[in-house]
């Protein structure tokens, strides 16, 4: 049975890990693009979706605990 505590921990964990990983990818990628290194786009563009993907994986883990 999933409790309110589990949902709260899932939200906090997904938010923190998503913001850290996505933010670091965005920051490093933008820094490279500003310095005219086009490889930075490979980090910049998927930065947001990668942060969301981590939250989705954590939610699947919690859903597996349910069933």
PDB file of N, CA and C in Angstrom:
ATOM      1  N   UNK A   1       0.839  -1.181   0.000  1.00  0.00           N
ATOM      2  CA  UNK A   1       0.000   0.000   0.000  1.00  0.00           C
ATOM      3  C   UNK A   1       0.887   1.249   0.000  1.00  0.00           C
ATOM      4  N   UNK A   2       0.603   2.139  -0.891  1.00  0.00           N
ATOM      5  CA  UNK A   2       1.360   3.378  -0.979  1.00  0.00           C
ATOM      6  C   UNK A   2       0.755   4.395  -0.012  1.00  0.00           C
ATOM      7  N   UNK A   3       1.601   4.972   0.791  1.00  0.00           N
ATOM      8  CA  UNK A   3       1.128   5.949   1.768  1.00  0.00           C
ATOM      9  C   UNK A   3       1.397   7.362   1.266  1.00  0.00           C
ATOM     10  N   UNK A   4       0.877   8.316   1.992  1.00  0.00           N
ATOM     11  CA  UNK A   4       1.112   9.720   1.642  1.00  0.00           C
ATOM     12  C   UNK A   4       2.599  10.043   1.736  1.00  0.00           C
ATOM     13  N   UNK A   5       3.265   9.404   2.679  1.00  0.00           N
ATOM     14  CA  UNK A   5       4.706   9.625   2.840  1.00  0.00           C
ATOM     15  C   UNK A   5       5.466   9.199   1.589  1.00  0.00           C
ATOM     16  N   UNK A   6       5.080   8.045   1.007  1.00  0.00           N
ATOM     17  CA  UNK A   6       5.729   7.570  -0.212  1.00  0.00           C
ATOM     18  C   UNK A   6       5.553   8.562  -1.360  1.00  0.00           C
ATOM     19  N   UNK A   7       4.351   9.103  -1.485  1.00  0.00           N
ATOM     20  CA  UNK A   7       4.078  10.065  -2.560  1.00  0.00           C
ATOM     21  C   UNK A   7       4.854  11.349  -2.334  1.00  0.00           C
ATOM     22  N   UNK A   8       4.944  11.783  -1.090  1.00  0.00           N
ATOM     23  CA  UNK A   8       5.700  12.990  -0.768  1.00  0.00           C
ATOM     24  C   UNK A   8       7.186  12.795  -1.063  1.00  0.00           C
ATOM     25  N   UNK A   9       7.724  11.666  -0.667  1.00  0.00           N
ATOM     26  CA  UNK A   9       9.138  11.376  -0.928  1.00  0.00           C
ATOM     27  C   UNK A   9       9.388  11.271  -2.428  1.00  0.00           C
ATOM     28  N   UNK A  10       8.452  10.664  -3.165  1.00  0.00           N
ATOM     29  CA  UNK A  10       8.588  10.577  -4.616  1.00  0.00           C
ATOM     30  C   UNK A  10       8.642  11.965  -5.235  1.00  0.00           C
ATOM     31  N   UNK A  11       7.765  12.852  -4.829  1.00  0.00           N
ATOM     32  CA  UNK A  11       7.748  14.204  -5.373  1.00  0.00           C
ATOM     33  C   UNK A  11       9.018  14.963  -5.063  1.00  0.00           C
ATOM     34  N   UNK A  12       9.470  14.873  -3.824  1.00  0.00           N
ATOM     35  CA  UNK A  12      10.697  15.576  -3.448  1.00  0.00           C
ATOM     36  C   UNK A  12      11.916  15.008  -4.167  1.00  0.00           C
ATOM     37  N   UNK A  13      12.002  13.703  -4.234  1.00  0.00           N
ATOM     38  CA  UNK A  13      13.138  13.065  -4.890  1.00  0.00           C
ATOM     39  C   UNK A  13      13.160  13.370  -6.380  1.00  0.00           C
ATOM     40  N   UNK A  14      11.995  13.257  -7.017  1.00  0.00           N
ATOM     41  CA  UNK A  14      11.923  13.535  -8.453  1.00  0.00           C
ATOM     42  C   UNK A  14      12.248  14.994  -8.735  1.00  0.00           C
ATOM     43  N   UNK A  15      11.759  15.891  -7.914  1.00  0.00           N
ATOM     44  CA  UNK A  15      12.042  17.306  -8.115  1.00  0.00           C
ATOM     45  C   UNK A  15      13.506  17.643  -7.943  1.00  0.00           C
ATOM     46  N   UNK A  16      14.104  17.122  -6.903  1.00  0.00           N
ATOM     47  CA  UNK A  16      15.509  17.442  -6.634  1.00  0.00           C
ATOM     48  C   UNK A  16      16.425  16.811  -7.675  1.00  0.00           C
ATOM     49  N   UNK A  17      16.260  15.537  -7.966  1.00  0.00           N
ATOM     50  CA  UNK A  17      17.139  14.890  -8.933  1.00  0.00           C
ATOM     51  C   UNK A  17      16.916  15.433 -10.338  1.00  0.00           C
ATOM     52  N   UNK A  18      15.666  15.674 -10.681  1.00  0.00           N
ATOM     53  CA  UNK A  18      15.381  16.238 -12.000  1.00  0.00           C
ATOM     54  C   UNK A  18      15.969  17.621 -12.168  1.00  0.00           C
ATOM     55  N   UNK A  19      15.849  18.444 -11.129  1.00  0.00           N
ATOM     56  CA  UNK A  19      16.402  19.800 -11.208  1.00  0.00           C
ATOM     57  C   UNK A  19      17.929  19.771 -11.250  1.00  0.00           C
ATOM     58  N   UNK A  20      18.539  18.903 -10.476  1.00  0.00           N
ATOM     59  CA  UNK A  20      20.001  18.836 -10.474  1.00  0.00           C
ATOM     60  C   UNK A  20      20.555  18.336 -11.800  1.00  0.00           C
ATOM     61  N   UNK A  21      20.041  17.220 -12.265  1.00  0.00           N
ATOM     62  CA  UNK A  21      20.571  16.632 -13.494  1.00  0.00           C
ATOM     63  C   UNK A  21      20.220  17.504 -14.701  1.00  0.00           C
ATOM     64  N   UNK A  22      18.940  17.877 -14.819  1.00  0.00           N
ATOM     65  CA  UNK A  22      18.525  18.715 -15.940  1.00  0.00           C
ATOM     66  C   UNK A  22      19.188  20.076 -15.913  1.00  0.00           C
ATOM     67  N   UNK A  23      19.296  20.672 -14.736  1.00  0.00           N
ATOM     68  CA  UNK A  23      19.925  21.976 -14.614  1.00  0.00           C
ATOM     69  C   UNK A  23      21.404  21.950 -14.940  1.00  0.00           C
ATOM     70  N   UNK A  24      22.072  20.889 -14.518  1.00  0.00           N
ATOM     71  CA  UNK A  24      23.499  20.777 -14.848  1.00  0.00           C
ATOM     72  C   UNK A  24      23.695  20.585 -16.353  1.00  0.00           C
ATOM     73  N   UNK A  25      22.841  19.781 -16.970  1.00  0.00           N
ATOM     74  CA  UNK A  25      22.946  19.589 -18.416  1.00  0.00           C
ATOM     75  C   UNK A  25      22.678  20.900 -19.153  1.00  0.00           C
ATOM     76  N   UNK A  26      21.662  21.629 -18.717  1.00  0.00           N
ATOM     77  CA  UNK A  26      21.353  22.910 -19.347  1.00  0.00           C
ATOM     78  C   UNK A  26      22.491  23.908 -19.152  1.00  0.00           C
ATOM     79  N   UNK A  27      23.009  23.982 -17.944  1.00  0.00           N
ATOM     80  CA  UNK A  27      24.067  24.942 -17.651  1.00  0.00           C
ATOM     81  C   UNK A  27      25.352  24.651 -18.396  1.00  0.00           C
ATOM     82  N   UNK A  28      25.777  23.421 -18.387  1.00  0.00           N
ATOM     83  CA  UNK A  28      27.016  23.061 -19.083  1.00  0.00           C
ATOM     84  C   UNK A  28      26.836  23.206 -20.591  1.00  0.00           C
ATOM     85  N   UNK A  29      25.680  22.754 -21.094  1.00  0.00           N
ATOM     86  CA  UNK A  29      25.419  22.880 -22.526  1.00  0.00           C
ATOM     87  C   UNK A  29      25.372  24.329 -22.977  1.00  0.00           C
ATOM     88  N   UNK A  30      24.713  25.188 -22.203  1.00  0.00           N
ATOM     89  CA  UNK A  30      24.634  26.603 -22.562  1.00  0.00           C
ATOM     90  C   UNK A  30      26.011  27.260 -22.504  1.00  0.00           C
ATOM     91  N   UNK A  31      26.809  26.870 -21.528  1.00  0.00           N
ATOM     92  CA  UNK A  31      28.170  27.395 -21.443  1.00  0.00           C
ATOM     93  C   UNK A  31      28.992  27.022 -22.661  1.00  0.00           C
ATOM     94  N   UNK A  32      28.834  25.809 -23.136  1.00  0.00           N
ATOM     95  CA  UNK A  32      29.573  25.380 -24.329  1.00  0.00           C
ATOM     96  C   UNK A  32      29.077  26.095 -25.585  1.00  0.00           C
ATOM     97  N   UNK A  33      27.749  26.267 -25.678  1.00  0.00           N
ATOM     98  CA  UNK A  33      27.197  26.940 -26.858  1.00  0.00           C
ATOM     99  C   UNK A  33      27.648  28.393 -26.907  1.00  0.00           C
ATOM    100  N   UNK A  34      27.684  29.050 -25.766  1.00  0.00           N
ATOM    101  CA  UNK A  34      28.111  30.445 -25.717  1.00  0.00           C
ATOM    102  C   UNK A  34      29.569  30.584 -26.148  1.00  0.00           C
ATOM    103  N   UNK A  35      30.368  29.567 -25.868  1.00  0.00           N
ATOM    104  CA  UNK A  35      31.776  29.590 -26.261  1.00  0.00           C
ATOM    105  C   UNK A  35      31.990  29.036 -27.672  1.00  0.00           C
ATOM    106  N   UNK A  36      30.916  28.949 -28.436  1.00  0.00           N
ATOM    107  CA  UNK A  36      30.942  28.507 -29.837  1.00  0.00           C
ATOM    108  C   UNK A  36      31.356  27.045 -30.013  1.00  0.00           C
ATOM    109  N   UNK A  37      31.109  26.226 -29.004  1.00  0.00           N
ATOM    110  CA  UNK A  37      31.332  24.784 -29.137  1.00  0.00           C
ATOM    111  C   UNK A  37      29.969  24.142 -29.402  1.00  0.00           C
ATOM    112  N   UNK A  38      29.754  23.722 -30.628  1.00  0.00           N
ATOM    113  CA  UNK A  38      28.431  23.239 -31.034  1.00  0.00           C
ATOM    114  C   UNK A  38      28.040  21.923 -30.370  1.00  0.00           C
ATOM    115  N   UNK A  39      28.996  21.236 -29.789  1.00  0.00           N
ATOM    116  CA  UNK A  39      28.675  19.998 -29.086  1.00  0.00           C
ATOM    117  C   UNK A  39      27.805  20.281 -27.848  1.00  0.00           C
ATOM    118  N   UNK A  40      27.794  21.516 -27.400  1.00  0.00           N
ATOM    119  CA  UNK A  40      26.964  21.897 -26.254  1.00  0.00           C
ATOM    120  C   UNK A  40      25.483  21.705 -26.505  1.00  0.00           C
ATOM    121  N   UNK A  41      25.059  21.757 -27.769  1.00  0.00           N
ATOM    122  CA  UNK A  41      23.645  21.526 -28.083  1.00  0.00           C
ATOM    123  C   UNK A  41      23.216  20.108 -27.708  1.00  0.00           C
ATOM    124  N   UNK A  42      24.167  19.163 -27.727  1.00  0.00           N
ATOM    125  CA  UNK A  42      23.845  17.785 -27.356  1.00  0.00           C
ATOM    126  C   UNK A  42      23.506  17.666 -25.872  1.00  0.00           C
ATOM    127  N   UNK A  43      23.972  18.586 -25.065  1.00  0.00           N
ATOM    128  CA  UNK A  43      23.618  18.620 -23.648  1.00  0.00           C
ATOM    129  C   UNK A  43      22.436  19.553 -23.386  1.00  0.00           C
ATOM    130  N   UNK A  44      22.387  20.650 -24.116  1.00  0.00           N
ATOM    131  CA  UNK A  44      21.385  21.675 -23.865  1.00  0.00           C
ATOM    132  C   UNK A  44      19.981  21.202 -24.225  1.00  0.00           C
ATOM    133  N   UNK A  45      19.810  20.633 -25.391  1.00  0.00           N
ATOM    134  CA  UNK A  45      18.470  20.280 -25.855  1.00  0.00           C
ATOM    135  C   UNK A  45      17.793  19.173 -25.041  1.00  0.00           C
ATOM    136  N   UNK A  46      18.461  18.077 -24.689  1.00  0.00           N
ATOM    137  CA  UNK A  46      17.756  17.051 -23.917  1.00  0.00           C
ATOM    138  C   UNK A  46      17.771  17.288 -22.400  1.00  0.00           C
ATOM    139  N   UNK A  47      18.262  18.437 -21.937  1.00  0.00           N
ATOM    140  CA  UNK A  47      18.367  18.676 -20.494  1.00  0.00           C
ATOM    141  C   UNK A  47      17.030  18.625 -19.775  1.00  0.00           C
ATOM    142  N   UNK A  48      16.024  19.279 -20.314  1.00  0.00           N
ATOM    143  CA  UNK A  48      14.697  19.286 -19.690  1.00  0.00           C
ATOM    144  C   UNK A  48      14.029  17.917 -19.687  1.00  0.00           C
ATOM    145  N   UNK A  49      13.938  17.255 -20.846  1.00  0.00           N
ATOM    146  CA  UNK A  49      13.312  15.930 -20.863  1.00  0.00           C
ATOM    147  C   UNK A  49      14.017  14.884 -19.998  1.00  0.00           C
ATOM    148  N   UNK A  50      15.325  14.984 -19.876  1.00  0.00           N
ATOM    149  CA  UNK A  50      16.050  14.026 -19.028  1.00  0.00           C
ATOM    150  C   UNK A  50      15.644  14.203 -17.571  1.00  0.00           C
ATOM    151  N   UNK A  51      15.473  15.457 -17.146  1.00  0.00           N
ATOM    152  CA  UNK A  51      15.008  15.709 -15.779  1.00  0.00           C
ATOM    153  C   UNK A  51      13.629  15.115 -15.537  1.00  0.00           C
ATOM    154  N   UNK A  52      12.731  15.244 -16.516  1.00  0.00           N
ATOM    155  CA  UNK A  52      11.402  14.651 -16.396  1.00  0.00           C
ATOM    156  C   UNK A  52      11.432  13.140 -16.443  1.00  0.00           C
ATOM    157  N   UNK A  53      12.350  12.582 -17.222  1.00  0.00           N
ATOM    158  CA  UNK A  53      12.468  11.133 -17.334  1.00  0.00           C
ATOM    159  C   UNK A  53      12.844  10.505 -15.994  1.00  0.00           C
ATOM    160  N   UNK A  54      13.681  11.183 -15.241  1.00  0.00           N
ATOM    161  CA  UNK A  54      14.054  10.654 -13.922  1.00  0.00           C
ATOM    162  C   UNK A  54      12.833  10.578 -13.003  1.00  0.00           C
ATOM    163  N   UNK A  55      11.989  11.609 -13.032  1.00  0.00           N
ATOM    164  CA  UNK A  55      10.766  11.572 -12.240  1.00  0.00           C
ATOM    165  C   UNK A  55       9.841  10.457 -12.676  1.00  0.00           C
ATOM    166  N   UNK A  56       9.738  10.214 -13.977  1.00  0.00           N
ATOM    167  CA  UNK A  56       8.894   9.151 -14.497  1.00  0.00           C
ATOM    168  C   UNK A  56       9.405   7.784 -14.049  1.00  0.00           C
ATOM    169  N   UNK A  57      10.725   7.594 -14.069  1.00  0.00           N
ATOM    170  CA  UNK A  57      11.290   6.316 -13.617  1.00  0.00           C
ATOM    171  C   UNK A  57      11.045   6.088 -12.132  1.00  0.00           C
ATOM    172  N   UNK A  58      11.146   7.142 -11.344  1.00  0.00           N
ATOM    173  CA  UNK A  58      10.868   7.008  -9.915  1.00  0.00           C
ATOM    174  C   UNK A  58       9.397   6.691  -9.671  1.00  0.00           C
ATOM    175  N   UNK A  59       8.506   7.274 -10.459  1.00  0.00           N
ATOM    176  CA  UNK A  59       7.077   6.990 -10.318  1.00  0.00           C
ATOM    177  C   UNK A  59       6.765   5.552 -10.704  1.00  0.00           C
ATOM    178  N   UNK A  60       7.444   5.042 -11.739  1.00  0.00           N
ATOM    179  CA  UNK A  60       7.245   3.631 -12.106  1.00  0.00           C
ATOM    180  C   UNK A  60       7.689   2.707 -10.986  1.00  0.00           C
ATOM    181  N   UNK A  61       8.773   3.064 -10.320  1.00  0.00           N
ATOM    182  CA  UNK A  61       9.267   2.263  -9.203  1.00  0.00           C
ATOM    183  C   UNK A  61       8.233   2.218  -8.089  1.00  0.00           C
ATOM    184  N   UNK A  62       7.606   3.364  -7.816  1.00  0.00           N
ATOM    185  CA  UNK A  62       6.572   3.416  -6.783  1.00  0.00           C
ATOM    186  C   UNK A  62       5.336   2.629  -7.214  1.00  0.00           C
ATOM    187  N   UNK A  63       4.970   2.708  -8.497  1.00  0.00           N
ATOM    188  CA  UNK A  63       3.804   1.970  -9.004  1.00  0.00           C
ATOM    189  C   UNK A  63       4.054   0.466  -8.934  1.00  0.00           C
ATOM    190  N   UNK A  64       5.275   0.046  -9.162  1.00  0.00           N
ATOM    191  CA  UNK A  64       5.609  -1.384  -9.060  1.00  0.00           C
ATOM    192  C   UNK A  64       5.442  -1.863  -7.622  1.00  0.00           C
ATOM    193  N   UNK A  65       5.708  -0.977  -6.671  1.00  0.00           N
ATOM    194  CA  UNK A  65       5.538  -1.307  -5.256  1.00  0.00           C
ATOM    195  C   UNK A  65       4.063  -1.516  -4.929  1.00  0.00           C
ATOM    196  N   UNK A  66       3.190  -0.818  -5.660  1.00  0.00           N
ATOM    197  CA  UNK A  66       1.755  -0.941  -5.452  1.00  0.00           C
ATOM    198  C   UNK A  66       1.239  -2.315  -5.853  1.00  0.00           C
ATOM    199  N   UNK A  67       1.670  -2.787  -7.013  1.00  0.00           N
ATOM    200  CA  UNK A  67       1.075  -3.998  -7.573  1.00  0.00           C
ATOM    201  C   UNK A  67       1.960  -5.127  -7.547  1.00  0.00           C
TER     202      UNK A  67
END
